Amino acid sequence: MHTDKEKSKLLARVRRIKGQVEALERALESESESEKIMHLIAAARGSISG
């Protein structure tokens, strides 16, 4: 079982990753420049790996 502090940190991280993936989805839907999309992918991957 996670402690409350660990749970809070994990939830914050999951929410941050969720926000990054949603930003990526919006960029893809609006057909943004590939440079921006690649930047968003790198940010999301960094958060997931970190």
C-alpha atoms as a PDB file:
ATOM      1  CA  MET A   1       0.000   0.000   0.000  1.00  0.00           C
ATOM      2  CA  HIS A   2       1.215   3.482  -0.836  1.00  0.00           C
ATOM      3  CA  THR A   3       1.488   6.137   1.811  1.00  0.00           C
ATOM      4  CA  ASP A   4      -0.587   9.278   1.364  1.00  0.00           C
ATOM      5  CA  LYS A   5       2.487  11.277   0.352  1.00  0.00           C
ATOM      6  CA  GLU A   6       3.530   8.721  -2.280  1.00  0.00           C
ATOM      7  CA  LYS A   7      -0.031   8.500  -3.542  1.00  0.00           C
ATOM      8  CA  SER A   8      -0.212  12.281  -3.933  1.00  0.00           C
ATOM      9  CA  LYS A   9       3.080  12.346  -5.839  1.00  0.00           C
ATOM     10  CA  LEU A  10       1.955   9.516  -8.118  1.00  0.00           C
ATOM     11  CA  LEU A  11      -1.385  11.176  -8.835  1.00  0.00           C
ATOM     12  CA  ALA A  12       0.346  14.462  -9.649  1.00  0.00           C
ATOM     13  CA  ARG A  13       2.669  12.680 -12.047  1.00  0.00           C
ATOM     14  CA  VAL A  14      -0.178  10.830 -13.754  1.00  0.00           C
ATOM     15  CA  ARG A  15      -2.113  14.084 -14.148  1.00  0.00           C
ATOM     16  CA  ARG A  16       0.945  15.800 -15.629  1.00  0.00           C
ATOM     17  CA  ILE A  17       1.408  12.962 -18.141  1.00  0.00           C
ATOM     18  CA  LYS A  18      -2.306  13.055 -18.950  1.00  0.00           C
ATOM     19  CA  GLY A  19      -2.072  16.769 -19.692  1.00  0.00           C
ATOM     20  CA  GLN A  20       0.898  16.245 -21.976  1.00  0.00           C
ATOM     21  CA  VAL A  21      -0.841  13.459 -23.890  1.00  0.00           C
ATOM     22  CA  GLU A  22      -3.977  15.588 -24.245  1.00  0.00           C
ATOM     23  CA  ALA A  23      -1.860  18.456 -25.609  1.00  0.00           C
ATOM     24  CA  LEU A  24      -0.339  16.029 -28.093  1.00  0.00           C
ATOM     25  CA  GLU A  25      -3.807  14.871 -29.134  1.00  0.00           C
ATOM     26  CA  ARG A  26      -4.936  18.469 -29.706  1.00  0.00           C
ATOM     27  CA  ALA A  27      -1.812  19.202 -31.757  1.00  0.00           C
ATOM     28  CA  LEU A  28      -2.412  16.163 -33.933  1.00  0.00           C
ATOM     29  CA  GLU A  29      -6.074  17.026 -34.424  1.00  0.00           C
ATOM     30  CA  SER A  30      -5.243  20.583 -35.459  1.00  0.00           C
ATOM     31  CA  GLU A  31      -2.475  19.339 -37.765  1.00  0.00           C
ATOM     32  CA  SER A  32       0.214  21.382 -36.029  1.00  0.00           C
ATOM     33  CA  GLU A  33       3.749  21.573 -37.345  1.00  0.00           C
ATOM     34  CA  SER A  34       5.723  18.358 -37.000  1.00  0.00           C
ATOM     35  CA  GLU A  35       8.368  20.142 -34.895  1.00  0.00           C
ATOM     36  CA  LYS A  36       5.770  21.003 -32.261  1.00  0.00           C
ATOM     37  CA  ILE A  37       4.378  17.462 -32.304  1.00  0.00           C
ATOM     38  CA  MET A  38       7.849  15.965 -31.900  1.00  0.00           C
ATOM     39  CA  HIS A  39       8.511  18.307 -28.970  1.00  0.00           C
ATOM     40  CA  LEU A  40       5.276  17.205 -27.279  1.00  0.00           C
ATOM     41  CA  ILE A  41       6.135  13.541 -27.851  1.00  0.00           C
ATOM     42  CA  ALA A  42       9.576  14.027 -26.321  1.00  0.00           C
ATOM     43  CA  ALA A  43       8.092  15.771 -23.285  1.00  0.00           C
ATOM     44  CA  ALA A  44       5.552  13.000 -22.721  1.00  0.00           C
ATOM     45  CA  ARG A  45       8.188  10.298 -23.117  1.00  0.00           C
ATOM     46  CA  GLY A  46      10.440  12.080 -20.636  1.00  0.00           C
ATOM     47  CA  SER A  47       7.648  12.255 -18.081  1.00  0.00           C
ATOM     48  CA  ILE A  48       6.764   8.610 -18.517  1.00  0.00           C
ATOM     49  CA  SER A  49      10.375   7.473 -18.300  1.00  0.00           C
ATOM     50  CA  GLY A  50      11.292   9.779 -15.429  1.00  0.00           C
END
